[in-house]
Protein backbone atom coordinates (compact mmCIF):
# COMPACT_ATOMS: atom_id res chain seq x y z
CA MET A 1 0.00 0.00 0.00
CA GLN A 2 1.48 3.33 -1.10
CA ALA A 3 1.49 6.04 1.56
CA ILE A 4 2.09 9.78 1.55
CA CYS A 5 2.72 11.88 4.64
CA TYR A 6 2.05 15.63 4.65
CA ILE A 7 4.19 17.30 7.31
CA ALA A 8 3.03 20.60 8.78
CA HIS A 9 5.82 22.25 10.76
CA ASP A 10 7.16 25.81 10.84
CA HIS A 11 10.80 24.83 11.42
CA LEU A 12 11.12 21.23 10.28
CA ALA A 13 14.91 21.14 10.02
CA ASN A 14 15.25 22.22 13.67
CA SER A 15 12.82 19.65 15.07
CA SER A 16 14.62 16.63 16.54
CA SER A 17 11.38 14.65 16.84
CA GLN A 18 10.35 15.24 13.23
CA GLN A 19 13.84 14.51 11.92
CA PHE A 20 13.85 11.26 13.90
CA LEU A 21 10.50 10.25 12.41
CA ILE A 22 11.49 11.17 8.86
CA ALA A 23 14.78 9.29 9.14
CA SER A 24 12.95 6.23 10.48
CA GLY A 25 10.30 6.34 7.77
CA GLU A 26 12.76 6.84 4.92
CA ALA A 27 15.05 4.07 6.16
CA LEU A 28 12.42 1.44 6.90
CA SER A 29 9.47 2.18 4.61
CA LYS A 30 8.65 3.48 1.15
CA ILE A 31 6.55 6.41 2.34
CA ASP A 32 6.77 9.74 0.53
CA TYR A 33 7.05 12.86 2.69
CA VAL A 34 5.79 16.30 1.70
CA ASP A 35 7.08 19.33 3.62
CA LEU A 36 4.15 21.72 3.27
CA THR A 37 6.07 24.75 4.56
CA ALA A 38 8.91 24.18 2.08
CA GLU A 39 6.45 23.81 -0.81
CA TRP A 40 4.64 26.98 0.23
CA GLU A 41 7.89 28.94 0.44
CA ARG A 42 8.96 27.65 -2.96
CA LYS A 43 5.70 28.22 -4.88
CA GLY A 44 3.67 30.62 -2.75
CA PHE A 45 0.46 28.61 -3.21
CA PHE A 46 -0.95 25.08 -3.46
CA ASP A 47 -2.43 24.09 -6.80
CA SER A 48 -5.64 22.13 -6.20
CA ASN A 49 -5.49 20.08 -9.41
CA GLN A 50 -1.85 19.17 -8.92
CA GLU A 51 -2.37 18.15 -5.30
CA LEU A 52 -5.39 15.99 -6.07
CA ALA A 53 -3.51 14.37 -8.93
CA ARG A 54 -0.68 13.55 -6.52
CA ILE A 55 -3.04 12.10 -3.92
CA THR A 56 -4.54 9.82 -6.57
CA ASN A 57 -1.32 7.79 -6.57
CA TYR A 58 -1.60 6.82 -2.89
CA ASP A 59 -3.75 4.49 -0.82
CA ARG A 60 -2.92 5.91 2.63
CA ILE A 61 -2.78 9.62 3.45
CA LEU A 62 -1.20 10.84 6.67
CA PHE A 63 -0.99 14.24 8.33
CA GLN A 64 2.03 14.65 10.62
CA PHE A 65 2.45 17.67 12.85
CA PRO A 66 3.15 18.97 16.37
CA LEU A 67 0.28 20.26 18.46
CA TYR A 68 0.42 24.09 18.55
CA TRP A 69 -2.07 25.55 21.00
CA TYR A 70 -4.30 22.50 20.59
CA GLN A 71 -4.30 22.52 16.80
CA ALA A 72 -2.08 21.91 13.79
CA PRO A 73 0.33 24.55 12.47
CA ALA A 74 -1.39 27.06 10.18
CA ILE A 75 0.22 25.70 7.02
CA LEU A 76 -2.02 22.63 7.14
CA LYS A 77 -5.14 24.82 7.16
CA ILE A 78 -3.75 26.81 4.23
CA TRP A 79 -3.14 23.59 2.30
CA MET A 80 -6.63 22.28 3.00
CA ASP A 81 -8.29 25.61 2.12
CA GLN A 82 -6.45 25.95 -1.19
CA VAL A 83 -6.70 22.31 -2.29
CA PHE A 84 -10.31 21.80 -1.21
CA ASN A 85 -11.55 25.22 -2.27
CA GLU A 86 -14.94 26.58 -3.35
CA GLN A 87 -14.29 25.59 -6.99
CA LEU A 88 -13.75 21.97 -5.98
CA ASN A 89 -15.67 19.31 -7.86
CA ILE A 90 -17.02 17.50 -4.80
CA LYS A 91 -18.21 14.36 -6.58
CA GLN A 92 -14.95 13.96 -8.48
CA THR A 93 -12.92 14.51 -5.31
CA GLN A 94 -15.01 11.96 -3.44
CA LYS A 95 -14.19 9.45 -6.17
CA ILE A 96 -10.49 10.21 -5.71
CA LEU A 97 -10.48 9.93 -1.91
CA LYS A 98 -13.14 7.29 -1.33
CA ASP A 99 -11.82 4.26 0.62
CA LYS A 100 -8.33 5.70 0.97
CA GLU A 101 -6.95 5.35 4.49
CA PHE A 102 -6.39 8.46 6.58
CA GLY A 103 -4.31 8.80 9.72
CA ILE A 104 -2.60 11.39 11.90
CA VAL A 105 0.88 11.35 13.43
CA LEU A 106 0.90 13.81 16.30
CA THR A 107 3.69 15.02 18.58
CA VAL A 108 2.74 16.69 21.86
CA GLY A 109 4.87 18.32 24.53
CA SER A 110 2.54 17.47 27.41
CA ARG A 111 1.80 14.18 29.13
CA LEU A 112 -1.01 12.24 27.51
CA ASP A 113 -3.00 12.13 30.75
CA SER A 114 -3.40 15.92 30.58
CA PHE A 115 -5.70 15.50 27.58
CA GLN A 116 -8.90 14.54 29.34
CA PRO A 117 -11.77 16.25 31.15
CA GLY A 118 -10.72 17.64 34.49
CA GLU A 119 -7.03 17.86 33.53
CA ARG A 120 -5.02 20.75 32.11
CA ALA A 121 -6.21 20.49 28.50
CA GLY A 122 -9.74 19.58 29.54
CA VAL A 123 -10.47 17.68 26.32
CA SER A 124 -9.20 14.52 24.66
CA ILE A 125 -6.84 14.40 21.70
CA THR A 126 -9.62 12.62 19.81
CA ASP A 127 -11.78 15.72 20.32
CA LEU A 128 -8.99 18.01 19.14
CA MET A 129 -8.46 15.92 15.99
CA SER A 130 -12.18 15.70 15.17
CA PRO A 131 -12.12 18.34 12.36
CA TYR A 132 -9.62 16.24 10.39
CA TYR A 133 -11.57 13.05 10.90
CA ALA A 134 -14.78 14.87 9.92
CA TRP A 135 -13.00 15.95 6.71
CA ALA A 136 -11.95 12.35 6.04
CA ASN A 137 -15.46 11.11 6.75
CA TYR A 138 -16.95 13.67 4.36
CA PHE A 139 -14.91 12.17 1.52
CA ASP A 140 -15.68 8.57 2.55
CA MET A 141 -12.15 7.80 3.65
CA LYS A 142 -11.27 5.06 6.13
CA TYR A 143 -9.78 6.83 9.09
CA ARG A 144 -7.36 5.22 11.52
CA PRO A 145 -6.68 6.13 15.15
CA PRO A 146 -3.99 8.79 15.61
CA PHE A 147 -0.40 7.83 16.35
CA ILE A 148 0.56 10.04 19.29
CA ILE A 149 4.09 10.77 20.50
CA SER A 150 4.26 12.41 23.90
CA GLN A 151 7.31 14.29 25.24
CA PHE A 152 9.81 12.99 22.70
CA HIS A 153 12.71 14.85 24.32
CA TYR A 154 12.34 12.78 27.49
CA LEU A 155 12.49 9.41 25.75
CA THR A 156 15.43 7.10 26.43
CA GLU A 157 17.35 5.52 23.57
CA GLU A 158 15.54 2.24 24.19
CA GLU A 159 12.18 4.01 24.11
CA LYS A 160 13.17 5.73 20.85
CA ASN A 161 14.02 2.33 19.35
CA HIS A 162 10.54 1.08 20.28
CA LEU A 163 9.05 4.29 18.88
CA MET A 164 10.86 3.74 15.57
CA ILE A 165 9.31 0.27 15.15
CA ASP A 166 5.85 1.46 16.26
CA TYR A 167 5.99 4.44 13.90
CA VAL A 168 7.12 2.45 10.86
CA THR A 169 4.46 -0.17 11.63
CA TYR A 170 1.83 2.60 11.65
CA LEU A 171 3.11 3.96 8.34
CA LYS A 172 2.85 0.53 6.76
CA THR A 173 -0.37 -0.77 8.33
CA GLY A 174 -2.28 2.19 9.78
CA ARG A 175 -2.76 0.15 12.96
CA LEU A 176 -1.54 0.58 16.52
CA HIS A 177 0.06 -1.68 19.09
CA LEU A 178 -0.47 -5.05 17.38
CA LEU A 179 2.46 -7.37 17.96
CA GLU A 180 1.57 -9.28 14.80
CA ASP A 181 2.14 -6.12 12.74
CA LYS A 182 5.47 -5.41 14.42
CA VAL A 183 6.68 -8.95 13.74
CA SER A 184 5.64 -8.66 10.09
CA VAL A 185 7.52 -5.36 9.71
CA LEU A 186 10.60 -6.86 11.37
CA LEU A 187 10.51 -9.92 9.10
CA GLU A 188 10.17 -7.69 6.05
CA GLU A 189 13.23 -5.66 7.05
CA LEU A 190 15.29 -8.76 7.88
CA ASP A 191 14.42 -10.18 4.48
CA GLN A 192 16.06 -7.15 2.85
CA LEU A 193 19.40 -7.80 4.55
CA GLU A 194 22.23 -9.29 2.51
CA LEU A 195 24.29 -11.22 5.05
CA ASP A 196 27.43 -13.24 4.45
CA LEU A 197 27.38 -15.60 7.43
CA GLU A 198 29.38 -18.63 8.39
CA PRO A 199 27.39 -21.91 8.11
CA LEU A 200 26.75 -22.16 11.86
CA ASP A 201 25.76 -18.50 12.12
CA GLN A 202 23.49 -18.91 9.10
CA LEU A 203 21.80 -21.89 10.77
CA ILE A 204 21.18 -19.88 13.95
CA TYR A 205 19.89 -16.95 11.91
CA ASP A 206 17.53 -19.18 9.91
CA GLN A 207 16.19 -20.72 13.12
CA PHE A 208 15.59 -17.24 14.52
CA ILE A 209 13.68 -16.19 11.40
CA GLN A 210 11.61 -19.37 11.45
CA LYS A 211 10.71 -18.79 15.09
CA LEU A 212 9.52 -15.28 14.24
CA ILE A 213 7.43 -16.66 11.37
CA ASP A 214 5.90 -19.32 13.63
CA GLN A 215 5.08 -16.71 16.26
CA SER A 216 3.50 -14.48 13.62
CA ASP A 217 1.34 -17.38 12.41
CA GLU A 218 0.29 -18.13 16.00
CA LEU A 219 -0.70 -14.50 16.52
CA LYS A 220 -2.79 -14.52 13.34
CA GLU A 221 -4.52 -17.70 14.48
CA LEU A 222 -5.28 -16.20 17.89
CA GLU A 223 -6.64 -13.07 16.24
CA PHE A 224 -8.88 -15.20 14.01
CA LEU A 225 -10.17 -17.16 17.02
CA ASP A 226 -10.92 -13.89 18.86
CA GLU A 227 -12.96 -12.67 15.87
CA GLU A 228 -14.85 -15.95 15.71
CA SER A 229 -15.71 -16.02 19.45
């Protein structure tokens, strides 16, 4: 499944979290990134026909941005207003976007537990993201739960390694926290490696791969049984 990720950020090159995500996505997936701020600075506008033609080539569309005062950076609103403008052919656009997957990758500086009634933010992240999901619903897209990264700067190296796998898994599947998906992504990456191993090391490596495959098959079987029950 081909995926495109529109990044809305005022200073992308200076963002350690965004650079980490982009490096992870480019290294471990085939996703295409679009820096909306860079495109705006280069052209001064977003051409609706060109943008819709580009979207046509993808099955999964992602918005990626930091939370600025409980909303996305302004460049995302500019992009949406200019691409989906008053001259838009609604029926044609619905044909283009219908059944495409839509997801959000969100970085926040606060703890996740602050986004709930009675806490500092007072509302959930789901509530804050509702305009984007309403947009996706209007065009009959299949929206996925948001991938949320909280307080990136406080993550340990081990936590960043887990984040890398979780993020790439989301890019490739649009799903969250399923071990089966993570195993599949890991197997896919291992399959790309060109190793020159000694016979004994090759045997150990092959046994390791087979164990991962067996575990993945067991997880799929358990998931099927859960659906049947």
